[in-house]
């Protein structure tokens, strides 16, 4: 790829496209595809160098249709390489049903024991083959159902975890579980790209939240990533308004960049 992506969020997102799909630089934009889940919005997108401007809507839309010709795809996702989250002019996209999405990219080269660290929580790498159903149950329990039903989240996480299991079996990461009295109550994934480690799907079962599970899970998995996986930098991406960003900061992560994009989807097909 000739273009060097500035956005650490999208650059580490593409770890997974390279392992399960493709990342192609066509000159005007980068095409990222996820083979196992073509309707994963943020895994199938066009990444442009610059923010949209008035008049870009038709060109960007036509480019997406050209690159994603699978008739079963019912979304369009556009991103641009702006670590400072320059919005440009999104008005035409918003008028045509797109939603603007902003995330925060947090990084750290070291971690600190969080204030809510719970020494009674056991954190270890776990086998997805043995625990995948419980992991999905945990993820669905705390999913946001404002736009998506629990049934749809079940399908999404099932596809995602099968993808991650394959990637882990190929030696590119680890999945970690948090246990309370022997019961699995939280989990997350850590995946490597050189010496950069990207966190994925940090989840705590809704019945065990506010007990220090999340911060203890992130802290102990980070120590493992540094000491056993050869990580030099850890990367987290979270929704801009999501409360979990404060938990990550309590472990030592700091705001580094922003991540921005636009997405449209067929609401009838995606419930």
C-alpha atoms as a PDB file:
ATOM      1  CA  UNK A   1       0.000   0.000   0.000  1.00  0.00           C
ATOM      2  CA  UNK A   2       1.563   3.304  -1.102  1.00  0.00           C
ATOM      3  CA  UNK A   3      -0.469   5.648   1.125  1.00  0.00           C
ATOM      4  CA  UNK A   4       0.566   5.765   4.791  1.00  0.00           C
ATOM      5  CA  UNK A   5      -2.579   6.002   6.931  1.00  0.00           C
ATOM      6  CA  UNK A   6      -2.354   8.642   9.683  1.00  0.00           C
ATOM      7  CA  UNK A   7      -5.335   7.370  11.646  1.00  0.00           C
ATOM      8  CA  UNK A   8      -4.128   4.829  14.198  1.00  0.00           C
ATOM      9  CA  UNK A   9      -7.720   3.698  14.655  1.00  0.00           C
ATOM     10  CA  UNK A  10      -8.298   2.779  11.021  1.00  0.00           C
ATOM     11  CA  UNK A  11      -4.755   1.486  10.632  1.00  0.00           C
ATOM     12  CA  UNK A  12      -5.313  -1.023  13.427  1.00  0.00           C
ATOM     13  CA  UNK A  13      -8.872  -1.757  12.221  1.00  0.00           C
ATOM     14  CA  UNK A  14      -7.279  -2.959   9.014  1.00  0.00           C
ATOM     15  CA  UNK A  15      -5.336  -5.640  10.906  1.00  0.00           C
ATOM     16  CA  UNK A  16      -8.513  -7.696  10.705  1.00  0.00           C
ATOM     17  CA  UNK A  17      -9.302  -6.900   7.074  1.00  0.00           C
ATOM     18  CA  UNK A  18      -5.843  -8.099   6.079  1.00  0.00           C
ATOM     19  CA  UNK A  19      -6.381 -11.355   7.962  1.00  0.00           C
ATOM     20  CA  UNK A  20      -9.992 -11.933   6.880  1.00  0.00           C
ATOM     21  CA  UNK A  21     -10.566 -10.006   3.675  1.00  0.00           C
ATOM     22  CA  UNK A  22      -8.523  -7.370   1.898  1.00  0.00           C
ATOM     23  CA  UNK A  23      -7.203  -3.810   2.015  1.00  0.00           C
ATOM     24  CA  UNK A  24      -6.620  -2.258  -1.398  1.00  0.00           C
ATOM     25  CA  UNK A  25      -5.310   1.199  -2.289  1.00  0.00           C
ATOM     26  CA  UNK A  26      -6.877   2.260  -5.588  1.00  0.00           C
ATOM     27  CA  UNK A  27      -5.354   5.748  -5.557  1.00  0.00           C
ATOM     28  CA  UNK A  28      -8.454   7.813  -4.736  1.00  0.00           C
ATOM     29  CA  UNK A  29      -9.381   5.799  -1.655  1.00  0.00           C
ATOM     30  CA  UNK A  30      -8.622   2.599   0.224  1.00  0.00           C
ATOM     31  CA  UNK A  31     -11.093  -0.283   0.000  1.00  0.00           C
ATOM     32  CA  UNK A  32     -11.379  -2.429   3.149  1.00  0.00           C
ATOM     33  CA  UNK A  33     -13.403  -5.651   2.988  1.00  0.00           C
ATOM     34  CA  UNK A  34     -14.261  -8.355   5.526  1.00  0.00           C
ATOM     35  CA  UNK A  35     -14.851 -11.678   3.760  1.00  0.00           C
ATOM     36  CA  UNK A  36     -16.686 -13.429   6.588  1.00  0.00           C
ATOM     37  CA  UNK A  37     -19.140 -10.594   7.234  1.00  0.00           C
ATOM     38  CA  UNK A  38     -19.768  -8.277   4.249  1.00  0.00           C
ATOM     39  CA  UNK A  39     -22.496  -6.417   6.172  1.00  0.00           C
ATOM     40  CA  UNK A  40     -20.239  -5.496   9.062  1.00  0.00           C
ATOM     41  CA  UNK A  41     -20.488  -1.752   8.508  1.00  0.00           C
ATOM     42  CA  UNK A  42     -17.098  -0.687   9.833  1.00  0.00           C
ATOM     43  CA  UNK A  43     -15.319  -3.693   8.364  1.00  0.00           C
ATOM     44  CA  UNK A  44     -16.439  -2.925   4.798  1.00  0.00           C
ATOM     45  CA  UNK A  45     -15.768   0.664   3.851  1.00  0.00           C
ATOM     46  CA  UNK A  46     -13.999   3.208   1.707  1.00  0.00           C
ATOM     47  CA  UNK A  47     -11.303   5.286   3.425  1.00  0.00           C
ATOM     48  CA  UNK A  48     -10.599   8.646   1.758  1.00  0.00           C
ATOM     49  CA  UNK A  49      -7.611  10.859   2.465  1.00  0.00           C
ATOM     50  CA  UNK A  50      -9.679  13.989   3.053  1.00  0.00           C
ATOM     51  CA  UNK A  51     -13.013  14.874   4.652  1.00  0.00           C
ATOM     52  CA  UNK A  52     -16.056  15.100   2.367  1.00  0.00           C
ATOM     53  CA  UNK A  53     -16.874  18.371   0.663  1.00  0.00           C
ATOM     54  CA  UNK A  54     -20.042  19.610  -0.994  1.00  0.00           C
ATOM     55  CA  UNK A  55     -20.502  17.693  -4.233  1.00  0.00           C
ATOM     56  CA  UNK A  56     -18.764  14.500  -3.034  1.00  0.00           C
ATOM     57  CA  UNK A  57     -21.940  12.572  -2.202  1.00  0.00           C
ATOM     58  CA  UNK A  58     -22.651  11.116  -5.645  1.00  0.00           C
ATOM     59  CA  UNK A  59     -18.980  10.344  -6.369  1.00  0.00           C
ATOM     60  CA  UNK A  60     -18.480   8.551  -3.052  1.00  0.00           C
ATOM     61  CA  UNK A  61     -21.751   6.654  -3.373  1.00  0.00           C
ATOM     62  CA  UNK A  62     -20.947   5.531  -6.919  1.00  0.00           C
ATOM     63  CA  UNK A  63     -17.472   4.437  -5.796  1.00  0.00           C
ATOM     64  CA  UNK A  64     -18.925   2.298  -3.015  1.00  0.00           C
ATOM     65  CA  UNK A  65     -21.408   0.641  -5.376  1.00  0.00           C
ATOM     66  CA  UNK A  66     -18.581  -0.106  -7.792  1.00  0.00           C
ATOM     67  CA  UNK A  67     -16.313  -1.633  -5.134  1.00  0.00           C
ATOM     68  CA  UNK A  68     -19.015  -3.509  -3.192  1.00  0.00           C
ATOM     69  CA  UNK A  69     -21.102  -5.235  -5.841  1.00  0.00           C
ATOM     70  CA  UNK A  70     -22.481  -8.024  -3.640  1.00  0.00           C
ATOM     71  CA  UNK A  71     -26.285  -7.592  -3.959  1.00  0.00           C
ATOM     72  CA  UNK A  72     -26.778  -8.725  -0.347  1.00  0.00           C
ATOM     73  CA  UNK A  73     -24.862  -5.741   1.057  1.00  0.00           C
ATOM     74  CA  UNK A  74     -27.335  -3.250   2.523  1.00  0.00           C
ATOM     75  CA  UNK A  75     -25.088  -0.508   3.853  1.00  0.00           C
ATOM     76  CA  UNK A  76     -22.601   2.137   2.759  1.00  0.00           C
ATOM     77  CA  UNK A  77     -19.733   3.236   4.984  1.00  0.00           C
ATOM     78  CA  UNK A  78     -17.282   6.058   4.301  1.00  0.00           C
ATOM     79  CA  UNK A  79     -14.318   7.097   6.426  1.00  0.00           C
ATOM     80  CA  UNK A  80     -11.566   9.638   6.024  1.00  0.00           C
ATOM     81  CA  UNK A  81      -8.062   9.870   7.379  1.00  0.00           C
ATOM     82  CA  UNK A  82      -8.492  12.703   9.867  1.00  0.00           C
ATOM     83  CA  UNK A  83      -7.030  12.005  13.331  1.00  0.00           C
ATOM     84  CA  UNK A  84      -8.315  15.423  14.436  1.00  0.00           C
ATOM     85  CA  UNK A  85     -11.882  14.527  13.293  1.00  0.00           C
ATOM     86  CA  UNK A  86     -12.335  17.233  10.672  1.00  0.00           C
ATOM     87  CA  UNK A  87     -15.972  16.858   9.613  1.00  0.00           C
ATOM     88  CA  UNK A  88     -15.666  18.685   6.292  1.00  0.00           C
ATOM     89  CA  UNK A  89     -19.124  19.168   4.749  1.00  0.00           C
ATOM     90  CA  UNK A  90     -21.310  16.145   5.519  1.00  0.00           C
ATOM     91  CA  UNK A  91     -24.597  17.894   4.797  1.00  0.00           C
ATOM     92  CA  UNK A  92     -25.460  15.984   1.593  1.00  0.00           C
ATOM     93  CA  UNK A  93     -24.770  12.669   3.314  1.00  0.00           C
ATOM     94  CA  UNK A  94     -26.849  13.552   6.380  1.00  0.00           C
ATOM     95  CA  UNK A  95     -29.713  14.727   4.140  1.00  0.00           C
ATOM     96  CA  UNK A  96     -29.630  11.308   2.466  1.00  0.00           C
ATOM     97  CA  UNK A  97     -29.904   9.301   5.674  1.00  0.00           C
ATOM     98  CA  UNK A  98     -26.258   8.839   6.665  1.00  0.00           C
ATOM     99  CA  UNK A  99     -25.183   9.044  10.306  1.00  0.00           C
ATOM    100  CA  UNK A 100     -21.937  10.690  11.390  1.00  0.00           C
ATOM    101  CA  UNK A 101     -19.856   8.479  13.681  1.00  0.00           C
ATOM    102  CA  UNK A 102     -17.018   9.706  15.880  1.00  0.00           C
ATOM    103  CA  UNK A 103     -14.755   7.619  18.058  1.00  0.00           C
ATOM    104  CA  UNK A 104     -11.810   8.252  20.330  1.00  0.00           C
ATOM    105  CA  UNK A 105      -8.500   6.459  19.867  1.00  0.00           C
ATOM    106  CA  UNK A 106      -6.664   5.857  23.140  1.00  0.00           C
ATOM    107  CA  UNK A 107      -3.130   4.532  23.425  1.00  0.00           C
ATOM    108  CA  UNK A 108      -0.541   3.716  26.042  1.00  0.00           C
ATOM    109  CA  UNK A 109       2.959   2.321  26.345  1.00  0.00           C
ATOM    110  CA  UNK A 110       2.510   1.376  30.007  1.00  0.00           C
ATOM    111  CA  UNK A 111      -0.344   0.735  32.431  1.00  0.00           C
ATOM    112  CA  UNK A 112      -1.116   1.529  36.060  1.00  0.00           C
ATOM    113  CA  UNK A 113      -3.222  -0.394  38.532  1.00  0.00           C
ATOM    114  CA  UNK A 114      -6.689   1.204  38.312  1.00  0.00           C
ATOM    115  CA  UNK A 115      -8.483   2.623  41.383  1.00  0.00           C
ATOM    116  CA  UNK A 116     -11.212  -0.035  41.039  1.00  0.00           C
ATOM    117  CA  UNK A 117      -8.783  -2.928  40.613  1.00  0.00           C
ATOM    118  CA  UNK A 118     -10.341  -6.088  42.051  1.00  0.00           C
ATOM    119  CA  UNK A 119      -7.723  -8.593  43.157  1.00  0.00           C
ATOM    120  CA  UNK A 120     -10.364 -11.329  43.418  1.00  0.00           C
ATOM    121  CA  UNK A 121     -11.022 -11.299  39.664  1.00  0.00           C
ATOM    122  CA  UNK A 122      -8.995 -13.879  37.769  1.00  0.00           C
ATOM    123  CA  UNK A 123      -7.890 -12.874  34.250  1.00  0.00           C
ATOM    124  CA  UNK A 124      -6.370 -15.395  31.877  1.00  0.00           C
ATOM    125  CA  UNK A 125      -6.117 -16.193  28.158  1.00  0.00           C
ATOM    126  CA  UNK A 126      -9.016 -18.496  27.306  1.00  0.00           C
ATOM    127  CA  UNK A 127     -10.032 -20.925  24.598  1.00  0.00           C
ATOM    128  CA  UNK A 128     -12.700 -19.602  22.266  1.00  0.00           C
ATOM    129  CA  UNK A 129     -13.604 -23.139  21.281  1.00  0.00           C
ATOM    130  CA  UNK A 130     -14.700 -23.903  24.848  1.00  0.00           C
ATOM    131  CA  UNK A 131     -16.121 -20.526  25.882  1.00  0.00           C
ATOM    132  CA  UNK A 132     -17.484 -18.907  22.722  1.00  0.00           C
ATOM    133  CA  UNK A 133     -21.168 -19.284  23.633  1.00  0.00           C
ATOM    134  CA  UNK A 134     -20.692 -17.684  27.053  1.00  0.00           C
ATOM    135  CA  UNK A 135     -18.582 -14.896  25.519  1.00  0.00           C
ATOM    136  CA  UNK A 136     -21.339 -14.106  23.005  1.00  0.00           C
ATOM    137  CA  UNK A 137     -23.925 -14.191  25.798  1.00  0.00           C
ATOM    138  CA  UNK A 138     -21.879 -11.587  27.703  1.00  0.00           C
ATOM    139  CA  UNK A 139     -21.473  -9.393  24.617  1.00  0.00           C
ATOM    140  CA  UNK A 140     -25.197  -9.483  23.826  1.00  0.00           C
ATOM    141  CA  UNK A 141     -26.125  -8.749  27.456  1.00  0.00           C
ATOM    142  CA  UNK A 142     -24.479  -5.326  27.306  1.00  0.00           C
ATOM    143  CA  UNK A 143     -25.148  -4.430  23.646  1.00  0.00           C
ATOM    144  CA  UNK A 144     -26.890  -1.187  22.736  1.00  0.00           C
ATOM    145  CA  UNK A 145     -30.325  -2.114  21.374  1.00  0.00           C
ATOM    146  CA  UNK A 146     -31.282   1.395  20.240  1.00  0.00           C
ATOM    147  CA  UNK A 147     -30.673   0.578  16.565  1.00  0.00           C
ATOM    148  CA  UNK A 148     -30.259  -3.182  16.648  1.00  0.00           C
ATOM    149  CA  UNK A 149     -32.234  -5.992  18.286  1.00  0.00           C
ATOM    150  CA  UNK A 150     -30.637  -8.535  20.607  1.00  0.00           C
ATOM    151  CA  UNK A 151     -31.249 -11.177  17.926  1.00  0.00           C
ATOM    152  CA  UNK A 152     -29.292  -9.124  15.403  1.00  0.00           C
ATOM    153  CA  UNK A 153     -26.491  -8.554  17.909  1.00  0.00           C
ATOM    154  CA  UNK A 154     -26.420 -12.309  18.515  1.00  0.00           C
ATOM    155  CA  UNK A 155     -25.844 -12.879  14.810  1.00  0.00           C
ATOM    156  CA  UNK A 156     -23.205 -10.155  14.589  1.00  0.00           C
ATOM    157  CA  UNK A 157     -21.193 -11.338  17.576  1.00  0.00           C
ATOM    158  CA  UNK A 158     -21.438 -14.977  16.451  1.00  0.00           C
ATOM    159  CA  UNK A 159     -19.888 -14.086  13.083  1.00  0.00           C
ATOM    160  CA  UNK A 160     -17.289 -11.847  14.728  1.00  0.00           C
ATOM    161  CA  UNK A 161     -16.190 -14.418  17.285  1.00  0.00           C
ATOM    162  CA  UNK A 162     -15.826 -17.123  14.637  1.00  0.00           C
ATOM    163  CA  UNK A 163     -13.596 -14.723  12.710  1.00  0.00           C
ATOM    164  CA  UNK A 164     -11.528 -13.921  15.808  1.00  0.00           C
ATOM    165  CA  UNK A 165     -11.200 -17.617  16.671  1.00  0.00           C
ATOM    166  CA  UNK A 166      -9.706 -18.273  13.239  1.00  0.00           C
ATOM    167  CA  UNK A 167      -7.303 -15.330  13.581  1.00  0.00           C
ATOM    168  CA  UNK A 168      -6.213 -16.487  17.047  1.00  0.00           C
ATOM    169  CA  UNK A 169      -5.657 -20.042  15.807  1.00  0.00           C
ATOM    170  CA  UNK A 170      -3.357 -18.549  13.164  1.00  0.00           C
ATOM    171  CA  UNK A 171      -1.273 -16.970  15.940  1.00  0.00           C
ATOM    172  CA  UNK A 172      -2.241 -13.286  15.694  1.00  0.00           C
ATOM    173  CA  UNK A 173      -3.754 -12.668  19.109  1.00  0.00           C
ATOM    174  CA  UNK A 174      -5.276 -13.871  22.360  1.00  0.00           C
ATOM    175  CA  UNK A 175      -8.715 -13.780  23.973  1.00  0.00           C
ATOM    176  CA  UNK A 176      -8.909 -13.027  27.684  1.00  0.00           C
ATOM    177  CA  UNK A 177     -11.585 -13.890  30.218  1.00  0.00           C
ATOM    178  CA  UNK A 178     -12.403 -12.406  33.610  1.00  0.00           C
ATOM    179  CA  UNK A 179     -13.729 -14.794  36.254  1.00  0.00           C
ATOM    180  CA  UNK A 180     -15.648 -14.144  39.454  1.00  0.00           C
ATOM    181  CA  UNK A 181     -15.921 -17.207  41.711  1.00  0.00           C
ATOM    182  CA  UNK A 182     -15.112 -19.422  38.738  1.00  0.00           C
ATOM    183  CA  UNK A 183     -17.765 -17.876  36.454  1.00  0.00           C
ATOM    184  CA  UNK A 184     -16.790 -16.136  33.218  1.00  0.00           C
ATOM    185  CA  UNK A 185     -18.226 -12.594  33.468  1.00  0.00           C
ATOM    186  CA  UNK A 186     -16.133 -10.517  31.039  1.00  0.00           C
ATOM    187  CA  UNK A 187     -13.839 -10.847  28.070  1.00  0.00           C
ATOM    188  CA  UNK A 188     -11.809  -9.035  25.424  1.00  0.00           C
ATOM    189  CA  UNK A 189      -9.422  -9.730  22.571  1.00  0.00           C
ATOM    190  CA  UNK A 190      -5.883  -8.441  21.959  1.00  0.00           C
ATOM    191  CA  UNK A 191      -4.433  -8.679  18.449  1.00  0.00           C
ATOM    192  CA  UNK A 192      -0.940  -7.896  17.234  1.00  0.00           C
ATOM    193  CA  UNK A 193       0.393  -5.960  14.250  1.00  0.00           C
ATOM    194  CA  UNK A 194       4.152  -5.823  14.718  1.00  0.00           C
ATOM    195  CA  UNK A 195       4.592  -4.405  18.218  1.00  0.00           C
ATOM    196  CA  UNK A 196       1.202  -2.650  18.240  1.00  0.00           C
ATOM    197  CA  UNK A 197      -1.630  -4.421  20.098  1.00  0.00           C
ATOM    198  CA  UNK A 198      -5.271  -3.592  19.318  1.00  0.00           C
ATOM    199  CA  UNK A 199      -8.050  -4.340  21.801  1.00  0.00           C
ATOM    200  CA  UNK A 200     -11.399  -5.687  20.585  1.00  0.00           C
ATOM    201  CA  UNK A 201     -14.898  -6.079  22.091  1.00  0.00           C
ATOM    202  CA  UNK A 202     -14.292  -5.284  25.749  1.00  0.00           C
ATOM    203  CA  UNK A 203     -17.407  -6.672  27.473  1.00  0.00           C
ATOM    204  CA  UNK A 204     -18.657  -7.206  31.026  1.00  0.00           C
ATOM    205  CA  UNK A 205     -21.911  -9.027  31.679  1.00  0.00           C
ATOM    206  CA  UNK A 206     -24.573  -6.535  32.766  1.00  0.00           C
ATOM    207  CA  UNK A 207     -25.075  -8.398  36.073  1.00  0.00           C
ATOM    208  CA  UNK A 208     -21.411  -7.892  37.038  1.00  0.00           C
ATOM    209  CA  UNK A 209     -20.816  -4.276  36.051  1.00  0.00           C
ATOM    210  CA  UNK A 210     -19.524  -1.669  38.514  1.00  0.00           C
ATOM    211  CA  UNK A 211     -17.447  -4.273  40.359  1.00  0.00           C
ATOM    212  CA  UNK A 212     -14.087  -3.438  38.809  1.00  0.00           C
ATOM    213  CA  UNK A 213     -14.336  -6.272  36.282  1.00  0.00           C
ATOM    214  CA  UNK A 214     -13.631  -4.161  33.206  1.00  0.00           C
ATOM    215  CA  UNK A 215     -10.698  -2.180  34.591  1.00  0.00           C
ATOM    216  CA  UNK A 216      -9.136  -5.307  36.124  1.00  0.00           C
ATOM    217  CA  UNK A 217      -9.587  -7.205  32.847  1.00  0.00           C
ATOM    218  CA  UNK A 218      -8.013  -4.428  30.781  1.00  0.00           C
ATOM    219  CA  UNK A 219      -5.153  -3.969  33.264  1.00  0.00           C
ATOM    220  CA  UNK A 220      -4.190  -7.640  33.570  1.00  0.00           C
ATOM    221  CA  UNK A 221      -4.529  -8.327  29.829  1.00  0.00           C
ATOM    222  CA  UNK A 222      -2.340  -5.278  29.142  1.00  0.00           C
ATOM    223  CA  UNK A 223       0.390  -6.621  31.414  1.00  0.00           C
ATOM    224  CA  UNK A 224       0.203  -9.923  29.546  1.00  0.00           C
ATOM    225  CA  UNK A 225       0.364  -8.130  26.166  1.00  0.00           C
ATOM    226  CA  UNK A 226       3.486  -6.232  27.207  1.00  0.00           C
ATOM    227  CA  UNK A 227       5.234  -9.132  28.925  1.00  0.00           C
ATOM    228  CA  UNK A 228       4.201 -12.150  26.862  1.00  0.00           C
ATOM    229  CA  UNK A 229       3.069 -10.876  23.446  1.00  0.00           C
ATOM    230  CA  UNK A 230       5.819  -8.325  22.759  1.00  0.00           C
ATOM    231  CA  UNK A 231       3.558  -5.283  22.582  1.00  0.00           C
ATOM    232  CA  UNK A 232       5.114  -1.820  22.778  1.00  0.00           C
ATOM    233  CA  UNK A 233       1.920   0.193  22.223  1.00  0.00           C
ATOM    234  CA  UNK A 234      -1.679  -0.658  23.120  1.00  0.00           C
ATOM    235  CA  UNK A 235      -4.586   0.796  21.155  1.00  0.00           C
ATOM    236  CA  UNK A 236      -8.245   1.148  22.150  1.00  0.00           C
ATOM    237  CA  UNK A 237     -11.064   2.668  20.071  1.00  0.00           C
ATOM    238  CA  UNK A 238     -14.283   3.700  21.825  1.00  0.00           C
ATOM    239  CA  UNK A 239     -17.383   5.735  21.061  1.00  0.00           C
ATOM    240  CA  UNK A 240     -16.811   9.395  21.843  1.00  0.00           C
ATOM    241  CA  UNK A 241     -19.576   9.456  24.465  1.00  0.00           C
ATOM    242  CA  UNK A 242     -19.070   5.911  25.767  1.00  0.00           C
ATOM    243  CA  UNK A 243     -18.420   5.758  29.528  1.00  0.00           C
ATOM    244  CA  UNK A 244     -15.863   2.948  29.092  1.00  0.00           C
ATOM    245  CA  UNK A 245     -13.303   5.434  27.791  1.00  0.00           C
ATOM    246  CA  UNK A 246     -12.981   6.687  31.389  1.00  0.00           C
ATOM    247  CA  UNK A 247     -12.300   3.123  32.541  1.00  0.00           C
ATOM    248  CA  UNK A 248      -9.530   2.750  29.966  1.00  0.00           C
ATOM    249  CA  UNK A 249      -8.046   6.059  31.075  1.00  0.00           C
ATOM    250  CA  UNK A 250      -7.963   4.791  34.667  1.00  0.00           C
ATOM    251  CA  UNK A 251      -5.612   2.018  33.491  1.00  0.00           C
ATOM    252  CA  UNK A 252      -3.267   4.483  31.776  1.00  0.00           C
ATOM    253  CA  UNK A 253      -4.696   4.916  28.284  1.00  0.00           C
ATOM    254  CA  UNK A 254      -4.743   8.491  26.983  1.00  0.00           C
ATOM    255  CA  UNK A 255      -6.608  10.192  24.159  1.00  0.00           C
ATOM    256  CA  UNK A 256      -4.322  10.136  21.134  1.00  0.00           C
ATOM    257  CA  UNK A 257      -6.550  10.712  18.092  1.00  0.00           C
ATOM    258  CA  UNK A 258     -10.124  10.715  16.885  1.00  0.00           C
ATOM    259  CA  UNK A 259     -11.746   8.450  14.297  1.00  0.00           C
ATOM    260  CA  UNK A 260     -14.547   9.654  12.044  1.00  0.00           C
ATOM    261  CA  UNK A 261     -16.832   8.319   9.332  1.00  0.00           C
ATOM    262  CA  UNK A 262     -20.334   8.173   7.847  1.00  0.00           C
ATOM    263  CA  UNK A 263     -22.661   5.214   7.579  1.00  0.00           C
ATOM    264  CA  UNK A 264     -26.026   4.474   5.970  1.00  0.00           C
ATOM    265  CA  UNK A 265     -27.917   1.187   6.220  1.00  0.00           C
ATOM    266  CA  UNK A 266     -31.263  -0.270   5.189  1.00  0.00           C
ATOM    267  CA  UNK A 267     -33.231  -0.130   8.430  1.00  0.00           C
ATOM    268  CA  UNK A 268     -35.665  -2.846   7.273  1.00  0.00           C
ATOM    269  CA  UNK A 269     -32.902  -5.352   6.585  1.00  0.00           C
ATOM    270  CA  UNK A 270     -30.891  -4.482   9.671  1.00  0.00           C
ATOM    271  CA  UNK A 271     -33.042  -4.845  12.782  1.00  0.00           C
END
